[in-house]
PDB file of N, CA and C in Angstrom:
ATOM      1  N   ASN A   1     -14.787 -93.913  17.085  1.00  0.00           N
ATOM      2  CA  ASN A   1     -15.545 -95.550  17.247  1.00  0.00           C
ATOM      3  C   ASN A   1     -14.236 -96.626  17.041  1.00  0.00           C
ATOM      4  N   ILE A   2     -14.200 -97.120  17.583  1.00  0.00           N
ATOM      5  CA  ILE A   2     -13.252 -98.274  17.403  1.00  0.00           C
ATOM      6  C   ILE A   2     -12.623 -99.039  16.708  1.00  0.00           C
ATOM      7  N   GLY A   3     -14.257 -99.878  16.665  1.00  0.00           N
ATOM      8  CA  GLY A   3     -14.375-100.646  15.555  1.00  0.00           C
ATOM      9  C   GLY A   3     -14.908-100.124  14.143  1.00  0.00           C
ATOM     10  N   ASN A   4     -15.146 -98.834  14.094  1.00  0.00           N
ATOM     11  CA  ASN A   4     -15.295 -98.845  12.691  1.00  0.00           C
ATOM     12  C   ASN A   4     -14.197 -97.656  12.894  1.00  0.00           C
ATOM     13  N   PHE A   5     -12.565 -97.803  13.112  1.00  0.00           N
ATOM     14  CA  PHE A   5     -11.566 -97.647  13.206  1.00  0.00           C
ATOM     15  C   PHE A   5     -10.741 -98.823  11.909  1.00  0.00           C
ATOM     16  N   THR A   6     -11.096 -99.707  12.675  1.00  0.00           N
ATOM     17  CA  THR A   6     -10.424-100.618  12.896  1.00  0.00           C
ATOM     18  C   THR A   6     -11.178-101.815  11.769  1.00  0.00           C
ATOM     19  N   ASN A   7     -12.429-102.017  11.855  1.00  0.00           N
ATOM     20  CA  ASN A   7     -12.975-101.974  10.524  1.00  0.00           C
ATOM     21  C   ASN A   7     -13.208-104.078  11.426  1.00  0.00           C
ATOM     22  N   ILE A   8     -13.358-104.781  12.743  1.00  0.00           N
ATOM     23  CA  ILE A   8     -13.717-105.701  13.493  1.00  0.00           C
ATOM     24  C   ILE A   8     -14.486-105.307  13.889  1.00  0.00           C
ATOM     25  N   THR A   9     -15.479-106.345  14.047  1.00  0.00           N
ATOM     26  CA  THR A   9     -16.106-106.468  15.274  1.00  0.00           C
ATOM     27  C   THR A   9     -15.493-106.922  16.867  1.00  0.00           C
ATOM     28  N   LEU A  10     -15.655-105.803  17.955  1.00  0.00           N
ATOM     29  CA  LEU A  10     -15.468-105.784  18.379  1.00  0.00           C
ATOM     30  C   LEU A  10     -16.358-106.225  19.452  1.00  0.00           C
ATOM     31  N   LEU A  11     -16.411-107.607  20.816  1.00  0.00           N
ATOM     32  CA  LEU A  11     -17.683-108.424  21.754  1.00  0.00           C
ATOM     33  C   LEU A  11     -17.124-107.767  23.025  1.00  0.00           C
ATOM     34  N   ASN A  12     -17.613-107.023  23.880  1.00  0.00           N
ATOM     35  CA  ASN A  12     -17.178-107.339  25.141  1.00  0.00           C
ATOM     36  C   ASN A  12     -17.604-108.212  26.278  1.00  0.00           C
ATOM     37  N   GLN A  13     -17.185-108.542  27.322  1.00  0.00           N
ATOM     38  CA  GLN A  13     -17.221-110.025  28.186  1.00  0.00           C
ATOM     39  C   GLN A  13     -16.846-108.738  29.647  1.00  0.00           C
ATOM     40  N   SER A  14     -18.090-109.390  30.456  1.00  0.00           N
ATOM     41  CA  SER A  14     -18.112-108.356  31.490  1.00  0.00           C
ATOM     42  C   SER A  14     -18.102-109.228  32.390  1.00  0.00           C
ATOM     43  N   VAL A  15     -17.805-109.162  34.039  1.00  0.00           N
ATOM     44  CA  VAL A  15     -18.677-109.268  34.788  1.00  0.00           C
ATOM     45  C   VAL A  15     -18.774-108.991  35.735  1.00  0.00           C
ATOM     46  N   LEU A  16     -20.026-109.716  36.374  1.00  0.00           N
ATOM     47  CA  LEU A  16     -20.418-109.535  37.099  1.00  0.00           C
ATOM     48  C   LEU A  16     -20.982-109.168  38.570  1.00  0.00           C
ATOM     49  N   LEU A  17     -20.474-108.460  38.993  1.00  0.00           N
ATOM     50  CA  LEU A  17     -19.914-108.115  40.192  1.00  0.00           C
ATOM     51  C   LEU A  17     -20.958-107.576  41.327  1.00  0.00           C
ATOM     52  N   LYS A  18     -21.129-108.074  41.878  1.00  0.00           N
ATOM     53  CA  LYS A  18     -21.859-107.036  43.571  1.00  0.00           C
ATOM     54  C   LYS A  18     -21.166-105.875  44.296  1.00  0.00           C
ATOM     55  N   GLY A  19     -21.853-105.498  43.978  1.00  0.00           N
ATOM     56  CA  GLY A  19     -21.320-103.557  44.200  1.00  0.00           C
ATOM     57  C   GLY A  19     -20.593-103.393  43.783  1.00  0.00           C
ATOM     58  N   VAL A  20     -20.185-102.783  42.065  1.00  0.00           N
ATOM     59  CA  VAL A  20     -19.707-103.069  41.305  1.00  0.00           C
ATOM     60  C   VAL A  20     -20.564-102.094  40.788  1.00  0.00           C
ATOM     61  N   ASN A  21     -20.990-103.846  39.653  1.00  0.00           N
ATOM     62  CA  ASN A  21     -22.477-103.154  38.351  1.00  0.00           C
ATOM     63  C   ASN A  21     -23.101-104.019  38.141  1.00  0.00           C
ATOM     64  N   ASP A  22     -23.965-104.367  39.470  1.00  0.00           N
ATOM     65  CA  ASP A  22     -25.130-104.723  39.608  1.00  0.00           C
ATOM     66  C   ASP A  22     -26.429-104.220  39.663  1.00  0.00           C
ATOM     67  N   ASP A  23     -26.680-103.826  39.484  1.00  0.00           N
ATOM     68  CA  ASP A  23     -27.934-102.522  39.291  1.00  0.00           C
ATOM     69  C   ASP A  23     -27.583-101.746  37.873  1.00  0.00           C
ATOM     70  N   LEU A  24     -29.071-101.789  38.127  1.00  0.00           N
ATOM     71  CA  LEU A  24     -29.857-101.596  36.198  1.00  0.00           C
ATOM     72  C   LEU A  24     -29.128-100.577  35.610  1.00  0.00           C
ATOM     73  N   GLY A  25     -29.356 -99.920  35.996  1.00  0.00           N
ATOM     74  CA  GLY A  25     -28.322 -98.309  35.700  1.00  0.00           C
ATOM     75  C   GLY A  25     -27.357 -98.522  35.280  1.00  0.00           C
ATOM     76  N   THR A  26     -25.967 -99.118  35.278  1.00  0.00           N
ATOM     77  CA  THR A  26     -24.698 -98.860  35.311  1.00  0.00           C
ATOM     78  C   THR A  26     -24.172-100.272  34.426  1.00  0.00           C
ATOM     79  N   LEU A  27     -25.410-101.393  35.109  1.00  0.00           N
ATOM     80  CA  LEU A  27     -25.798-102.559  33.258  1.00  0.00           C
ATOM     81  C   LEU A  27     -26.100-101.689  31.963  1.00  0.00           C
ATOM     82  N   GLU A  28     -26.809-100.811  32.211  1.00  0.00           N
ATOM     83  CA  GLU A  28     -27.223 -99.552  30.772  1.00  0.00           C
ATOM     84  C   GLU A  28     -27.311 -98.763  30.741  1.00  0.00           C
ATOM     85  N   ARG A  29     -25.703 -98.645  31.476  1.00  0.00           N
ATOM     86  CA  ARG A  29     -24.244 -97.024  31.536  1.00  0.00           C
ATOM     87  C   ARG A  29     -23.530 -98.540  30.731  1.00  0.00           C
ATOM     88  N   LEU A  30     -23.602 -98.838  31.057  1.00  0.00           N
ATOM     89  CA  LEU A  30     -22.036-100.207  29.815  1.00  0.00           C
ATOM     90  C   LEU A  30     -22.617-101.030  28.553  1.00  0.00           C
ATOM     91  N   SER A  31     -23.760-100.948  28.866  1.00  0.00           N
ATOM     92  CA  SER A  31     -23.844-101.258  26.770  1.00  0.00           C
ATOM     93  C   SER A  31     -24.051-100.290  26.302  1.00  0.00           C
ATOM     94  N   LEU A  32     -24.862 -99.280  26.915  1.00  0.00           N
ATOM     95  CA  LEU A  32     -24.522 -97.763  25.690  1.00  0.00           C
ATOM     96  C   LEU A  32     -23.624 -97.658  24.950  1.00  0.00           C
ATOM     97  N   LYS A  33     -22.850 -96.491  25.886  1.00  0.00           N
ATOM     98  CA  LYS A  33     -21.392 -96.721  26.281  1.00  0.00           C
ATOM     99  C   LYS A  33     -19.979 -97.135  25.346  1.00  0.00           C
ATOM    100  N   LEU A  34     -20.299 -98.899  25.754  1.00  0.00           N
ATOM    101  CA  LEU A  34     -19.110 -99.626  24.671  1.00  0.00           C
ATOM    102  C   LEU A  34     -19.552 -98.956  23.344  1.00  0.00           C
ATOM    103  N   PHE A  35     -21.690 -99.515  22.757  1.00  0.00           N
ATOM    104  CA  PHE A  35     -21.522 -99.095  21.796  1.00  0.00           C
ATOM    105  C   PHE A  35     -21.686 -98.474  21.297  1.00  0.00           C
ATOM    106  N   ASP A  36     -22.249 -96.731  21.983  1.00  0.00           N
ATOM    107  CA  ASP A  36     -21.151 -96.054  20.965  1.00  0.00           C
ATOM    108  C   ASP A  36     -19.807 -95.552  20.935  1.00  0.00           C
ATOM    109  N   ILE A  37     -18.643 -96.630  21.007  1.00  0.00           N
ATOM    110  CA  ILE A  37     -17.225 -96.099  20.874  1.00  0.00           C
ATOM    111  C   ILE A  37     -17.457 -97.290  19.848  1.00  0.00           C
ATOM    112  N   GLY A  38     -18.113 -97.905  19.564  1.00  0.00           N
ATOM    113  CA  GLY A  38     -17.685 -99.947  18.602  1.00  0.00           C
ATOM    114  C   GLY A  38     -18.030-100.603  19.048  1.00  0.00           C
ATOM    115  N   ILE A  39     -18.350-101.221  20.296  1.00  0.00           N
ATOM    116  CA  ILE A  39     -17.586-102.229  20.939  1.00  0.00           C
ATOM    117  C   ILE A  39     -19.736-102.844  21.264  1.00  0.00           C
ATOM    118  N   LEU A  40     -19.561-103.922  20.835  1.00  0.00           N
ATOM    119  CA  LEU A  40     -21.240-104.688  21.224  1.00  0.00           C
ATOM    120  C   LEU A  40     -20.811-105.402  22.780  1.00  0.00           C
ATOM    121  N   PRO A  41     -21.527-105.311  23.783  1.00  0.00           N
ATOM    122  CA  PRO A  41     -22.011-106.155  24.135  1.00  0.00           C
ATOM    123  C   PRO A  41     -22.642-107.570  24.443  1.00  0.00           C
ATOM    124  N   TYR A  42     -21.370-108.350  24.641  1.00  0.00           N
ATOM    125  CA  TYR A  42     -21.950-110.217  24.522  1.00  0.00           C
ATOM    126  C   TYR A  42     -21.898-110.333  24.877  1.00  0.00           C
ATOM    127  N   TYR A  43     -21.329-110.509  26.443  1.00  0.00           N
ATOM    128  CA  TYR A  43     -20.871-111.457  27.610  1.00  0.00           C
ATOM    129  C   TYR A  43     -21.374-111.063  28.651  1.00  0.00           C
ATOM    130  N   LEU A  44     -21.819-111.567  29.409  1.00  0.00           N
ATOM    131  CA  LEU A  44     -22.888-110.568  31.299  1.00  0.00           C
ATOM    132  C   LEU A  44     -21.780-112.308  32.280  1.00  0.00           C
ATOM    133  N   HIS A  45     -20.262-112.421  32.706  1.00  0.00           N
ATOM    134  CA  HIS A  45     -20.044-112.652  32.635  1.00  0.00           C
ATOM    135  C   HIS A  45     -21.325-113.588  34.671  1.00  0.00           C
ATOM    136  N   MET A  46     -21.343-114.534  34.474  1.00  0.00           N
ATOM    137  CA  MET A  46     -21.138-114.851  36.509  1.00  0.00           C
ATOM    138  C   MET A  46     -20.209-115.191  36.556  1.00  0.00           C
ATOM    139  N   LEU A  47     -19.891-114.523  37.914  1.00  0.00           N
ATOM    140  CA  LEU A  47     -18.311-114.732  38.675  1.00  0.00           C
ATOM    141  C   LEU A  47     -18.525-116.124  38.689  1.00  0.00           C
ATOM    142  N   ASP A  48     -17.088-116.709  38.829  1.00  0.00           N
ATOM    143  CA  ASP A  48     -16.679-118.212  38.756  1.00  0.00           C
ATOM    144  C   ASP A  48     -16.762-117.769  40.292  1.00  0.00           C
ATOM    145  N   LYS A  49     -16.908-119.385  41.348  1.00  0.00           N
ATOM    146  CA  LYS A  49     -17.081-119.477  42.404  1.00  0.00           C
ATOM    147  C   LYS A  49     -15.771-119.988  42.775  1.00  0.00           C
ATOM    148  N   VAL A  50     -14.471-118.548  43.140  1.00  0.00           N
ATOM    149  CA  VAL A  50     -13.011-118.902  43.883  1.00  0.00           C
ATOM    150  C   VAL A  50     -12.752-118.395  45.427  1.00  0.00           C
ATOM    151  N   LYS A  51     -12.242-119.099  45.738  1.00  0.00           N
ATOM    152  CA  LYS A  51     -11.866-118.461  47.264  1.00  0.00           C
ATOM    153  C   LYS A  51     -11.321-116.779  46.788  1.00  0.00           C
ATOM    154  N   GLY A  52     -12.023-115.709  48.398  1.00  0.00           N
ATOM    155  CA  GLY A  52     -11.431-114.869  48.162  1.00  0.00           C
ATOM    156  C   GLY A  52     -12.450-113.847  47.541  1.00  0.00           C
ATOM    157  N   ALA A  53     -13.106-114.326  46.466  1.00  0.00           N
ATOM    158  CA  ALA A  53     -13.824-113.631  46.077  1.00  0.00           C
ATOM    159  C   ALA A  53     -15.403-113.221  46.378  1.00  0.00           C
ATOM    160  N   GLU A  54     -15.666-114.607  47.348  1.00  0.00           N
ATOM    161  CA  GLU A  54     -17.050-114.320  47.769  1.00  0.00           C
ATOM    162  C   GLU A  54     -17.802-113.352  47.580  1.00  0.00           C
ATOM    163  N   HIS A  55     -17.033-112.089  48.462  1.00  0.00           N
ATOM    164  CA  HIS A  55     -18.281-110.959  47.919  1.00  0.00           C
ATOM    165  C   HIS A  55     -18.925-110.351  47.567  1.00  0.00           C
ATOM    166  N   PHE A  56     -18.342-110.917  46.171  1.00  0.00           N
ATOM    167  CA  PHE A  56     -18.312-110.185  44.514  1.00  0.00           C
ATOM    168  C   PHE A  56     -19.645-111.386  43.953  1.00  0.00           C
ATOM    169  N   LEU A  57     -19.819-112.367  45.017  1.00  0.00           N
ATOM    170  CA  LEU A  57     -21.146-113.322  44.220  1.00  0.00           C
ATOM    171  C   LEU A  57     -22.458-112.215  43.977  1.00  0.00           C
ATOM    172  N   ILE A  58     -23.331-112.885  43.684  1.00  0.00           N
ATOM    173  CA  ILE A  58     -24.546-112.297  43.237  1.00  0.00           C
ATOM    174  C   ILE A  58     -25.820-113.973  43.115  1.00  0.00           C
ATOM    175  N   SER A  59     -26.290-113.484  43.234  1.00  0.00           N
ATOM    176  CA  SER A  59     -27.111-114.842  43.807  1.00  0.00           C
ATOM    177  C   SER A  59     -27.457-115.083  42.004  1.00  0.00           C
ATOM    178  N   ASP A  60     -27.785-116.513  41.614  1.00  0.00           N
ATOM    179  CA  ASP A  60     -28.657-117.055  40.082  1.00  0.00           C
ATOM    180  C   ASP A  60     -30.165-115.504  39.977  1.00  0.00           C
ATOM    181  N   GLU A  61     -30.753-116.001  41.003  1.00  0.00           N
ATOM    182  CA  GLU A  61     -32.166-115.364  41.035  1.00  0.00           C
ATOM    183  C   GLU A  61     -31.969-113.295  40.739  1.00  0.00           C
ATOM    184  N   ARG A  62     -30.856-112.810  41.397  1.00  0.00           N
ATOM    185  CA  ARG A  62     -30.706-111.907  41.718  1.00  0.00           C
ATOM    186  C   ARG A  62     -30.078-111.321  39.701  1.00  0.00           C
ATOM    187  N   ALA A  63     -28.771-111.775  39.836  1.00  0.00           N
ATOM    188  CA  ALA A  63     -29.122-111.808  38.162  1.00  0.00           C
ATOM    189  C   ALA A  63     -29.819-112.335  37.115  1.00  0.00           C
ATOM    190  N   ILE A  64     -30.243-112.890  37.395  1.00  0.00           N
ATOM    191  CA  ILE A  64     -31.806-112.869  36.006  1.00  0.00           C
ATOM    192  C   ILE A  64     -32.243-112.309  35.987  1.00  0.00           C
ATOM    193  N   GLN A  65     -32.769-111.515  37.101  1.00  0.00           N
ATOM    194  CA  GLN A  65     -33.935-110.515  37.398  1.00  0.00           C
ATOM    195  C   GLN A  65     -33.368-109.603  36.166  1.00  0.00           C
ATOM    196  N   LEU A  66     -32.016-109.319  37.154  1.00  0.00           N
ATOM    197  CA  LEU A  66     -30.998-108.014  36.619  1.00  0.00           C
ATOM    198  C   LEU A  66     -31.465-107.915  34.909  1.00  0.00           C
ATOM    199  N   HIS A  67     -30.574-109.081  34.387  1.00  0.00           N
ATOM    200  CA  HIS A  67     -30.498-109.507  32.898  1.00  0.00           C
ATOM    201  C   HIS A  67     -32.457-109.127  32.193  1.00  0.00           C
ATOM    202  N   GLN A  68     -32.878-109.948  32.966  1.00  0.00           N
ATOM    203  CA  GLN A  68     -34.357-109.846  32.633  1.00  0.00           C
ATOM    204  C   GLN A  68     -35.015-108.071  32.098  1.00  0.00           C
ATOM    205  N   ASP A  69     -34.797-107.844  33.566  1.00  0.00           N
ATOM    206  CA  ASP A  69     -35.387-106.053  33.594  1.00  0.00           C
ATOM    207  C   ASP A  69     -33.796-105.305  32.061  1.00  0.00           C
ATOM    208  N   LEU A  70     -32.401-105.535  32.100  1.00  0.00           N
ATOM    209  CA  LEU A  70     -31.899-104.629  31.209  1.00  0.00           C
ATOM    210  C   LEU A  70     -32.894-105.727  29.496  1.00  0.00           C
ATOM    211  N   LYS A  71     -33.421-106.958  29.642  1.00  0.00           N
ATOM    212  CA  LYS A  71     -33.744-107.192  28.359  1.00  0.00           C
ATOM    213  C   LYS A  71     -34.371-106.071  28.005  1.00  0.00           C
ATOM    214  N   GLY A  72     -35.711-106.021  29.185  1.00  0.00           N
ATOM    215  CA  GLY A  72     -36.645-105.068  28.889  1.00  0.00           C
ATOM    216  C   GLY A  72     -36.797-103.349  28.688  1.00  0.00           C
ATOM    217  N   SER A  73     -34.988-102.887  29.251  1.00  0.00           N
ATOM    218  CA  SER A  73     -34.801-101.792  29.118  1.00  0.00           C
ATOM    219  C   SER A  73     -33.898-101.113  27.491  1.00  0.00           C
ATOM    220  N   LEU A  74     -33.642-102.382  27.452  1.00  0.00           N
ATOM    221  CA  LEU A  74     -32.349-101.507  26.046  1.00  0.00           C
ATOM    222  C   LEU A  74     -32.718-103.246  25.248  1.00  0.00           C
ATOM    223  N   SER A  75     -32.516-102.335  23.204  1.00  0.00           N
ATOM    224  CA  SER A  75     -32.416-103.180  21.939  1.00  0.00           C
ATOM    225  C   SER A  75     -32.138-104.596  22.193  1.00  0.00           C
ATOM    226  N   GLY A  76     -32.360-105.845  21.437  1.00  0.00           N
ATOM    227  CA  GLY A  76     -31.492-106.669  21.855  1.00  0.00           C
ATOM    228  C   GLY A  76     -30.241-107.464  21.493  1.00  0.00           C
ATOM    229  N   TYR A  77     -29.627-106.436  20.909  1.00  0.00           N
ATOM    230  CA  TYR A  77     -27.442-106.441  20.247  1.00  0.00           C
ATOM    231  C   TYR A  77     -27.755-105.370  21.599  1.00  0.00           C
ATOM    232  N   LEU A  78     -27.938-105.241  22.638  1.00  0.00           N
ATOM    233  CA  LEU A  78     -27.049-104.323  23.314  1.00  0.00           C
ATOM    234  C   LEU A  78     -27.740-105.357  23.993  1.00  0.00           C
ATOM    235  N   VAL A  79     -27.864-105.943  25.052  1.00  0.00           N
ATOM    236  CA  VAL A  79     -28.609-107.198  26.130  1.00  0.00           C
ATOM    237  C   VAL A  79     -27.444-107.850  25.728  1.00  0.00           C
ATOM    238  N   PRO A  80     -26.331-108.107  26.965  1.00  0.00           N
ATOM    239  CA  PRO A  80     -25.321-109.890  25.871  1.00  0.00           C
ATOM    240  C   PRO A  80     -25.569-110.273  27.368  1.00  0.00           C
ATOM    241  N   LYS A  81     -24.964-111.283  27.115  1.00  0.00           N
ATOM    242  CA  LYS A  81     -26.158-113.349  27.028  1.00  0.00           C
ATOM    243  C   LYS A  81     -25.196-112.768  28.978  1.00  0.00           C
ATOM    244  N   LEU A  82     -26.111-114.028  29.512  1.00  0.00           N
ATOM    245  CA  LEU A  82     -25.832-114.092  30.689  1.00  0.00           C
ATOM    246  C   LEU A  82     -25.387-114.571  31.016  1.00  0.00           C
ATOM    247  N   VAL A  83     -23.661-115.881  31.074  1.00  0.00           N
ATOM    248  CA  VAL A  83     -23.672-116.833  31.146  1.00  0.00           C
ATOM    249  C   VAL A  83     -22.612-117.448  32.424  1.00  0.00           C
ATOM    250  N   ARG A  84     -22.087-118.352  32.069  1.00  0.00           N
ATOM    251  CA  ARG A  84     -21.817-118.885  33.230  1.00  0.00           C
ATOM    252  C   ARG A  84     -20.260-120.247  33.058  1.00  0.00           C
ATOM    253  N   ASP A  85     -19.002-120.005  33.670  1.00  0.00           N
ATOM    254  CA  ASP A  85     -18.280-120.830  32.953  1.00  0.00           C
ATOM    255  C   ASP A  85     -18.249-122.062  34.091  1.00  0.00           C
ATOM    256  N   GLU A  86     -18.361-123.031  33.814  1.00  0.00           N
ATOM    257  CA  GLU A  86     -19.262-124.147  34.620  1.00  0.00           C
ATOM    258  C   GLU A  86     -18.258-126.051  34.085  1.00  0.00           C
ATOM    259  N   ASN A  87     -16.907-125.074  33.724  1.00  0.00           N
ATOM    260  CA  ASN A  87     -15.787-126.410  33.068  1.00  0.00           C
ATOM    261  C   ASN A  87     -16.366-127.441  32.230  1.00  0.00           C
ATOM    262  N   LEU A  88     -16.922-126.694  31.311  1.00  0.00           N
ATOM    263  CA  LEU A  88     -17.486-126.549  30.657  1.00  0.00           C
ATOM    264  C   LEU A  88     -16.822-126.983  29.162  1.00  0.00           C
ATOM    265  N   LYS A  89     -16.790-127.768  27.511  1.00  0.00           N
ATOM    266  CA  LYS A  89     -15.843-126.995  26.441  1.00  0.00           C
ATOM    267  C   LYS A  89     -16.284-125.519  25.609  1.00  0.00           C
ATOM    268  N   SER A  90     -17.520-125.204  26.524  1.00  0.00           N
ATOM    269  CA  SER A  90     -18.364-124.008  25.753  1.00  0.00           C
ATOM    270  C   SER A  90     -19.310-123.560  27.169  1.00  0.00           C
ATOM    271  N   LYS A  91     -19.482-121.994  27.163  1.00  0.00           N
ATOM    272  CA  LYS A  91     -20.728-121.139  28.275  1.00  0.00           C
ATOM    273  C   LYS A  91     -21.588-122.079  28.320  1.00  0.00           C
ATOM    274  N   THR A  92     -21.724-122.108  30.238  1.00  0.00           N
ATOM    275  CA  THR A  92     -23.503-122.242  29.836  1.00  0.00           C
ATOM    276  C   THR A  92     -24.625-121.021  30.097  1.00  0.00           C
ATOM    277  N   TRP A  93     -25.562-120.445  28.957  1.00  0.00           N
ATOM    278  CA  TRP A  93     -26.097-119.696  29.160  1.00  0.00           C
ATOM    279  C   TRP A  93     -27.010-120.088  30.699  1.00  0.00           C
ATOM    280  N   ILE A  94     -27.315-118.443  31.073  1.00  0.00           N
ATOM    281  CA  ILE A  94     -28.267-119.109  32.586  1.00  0.00           C
ATOM    282  C   ILE A  94     -29.798-117.904  31.220  1.00  0.00           C
TER     283      ILE A  94
END
């Protein structure tokens, strides 16, 4: 368990990617595995709209639905916050 070994709270930041981790089962397994090794799932980022990565983009509606489904299947601290960077000083919760 990494978190217990280091005595430090580790927080994970993942990016939601179409065709990679855009299904409930994958997100559940990721959160549970992270927690098993002492890392808290903290942020689930929407992909920045950058040239060349359009094929990984997920619609806001799909991301919100996945996040709602995740909240329905896992307890609170295992559900990362769905966020987007919008060139502001802080993250925007979705």
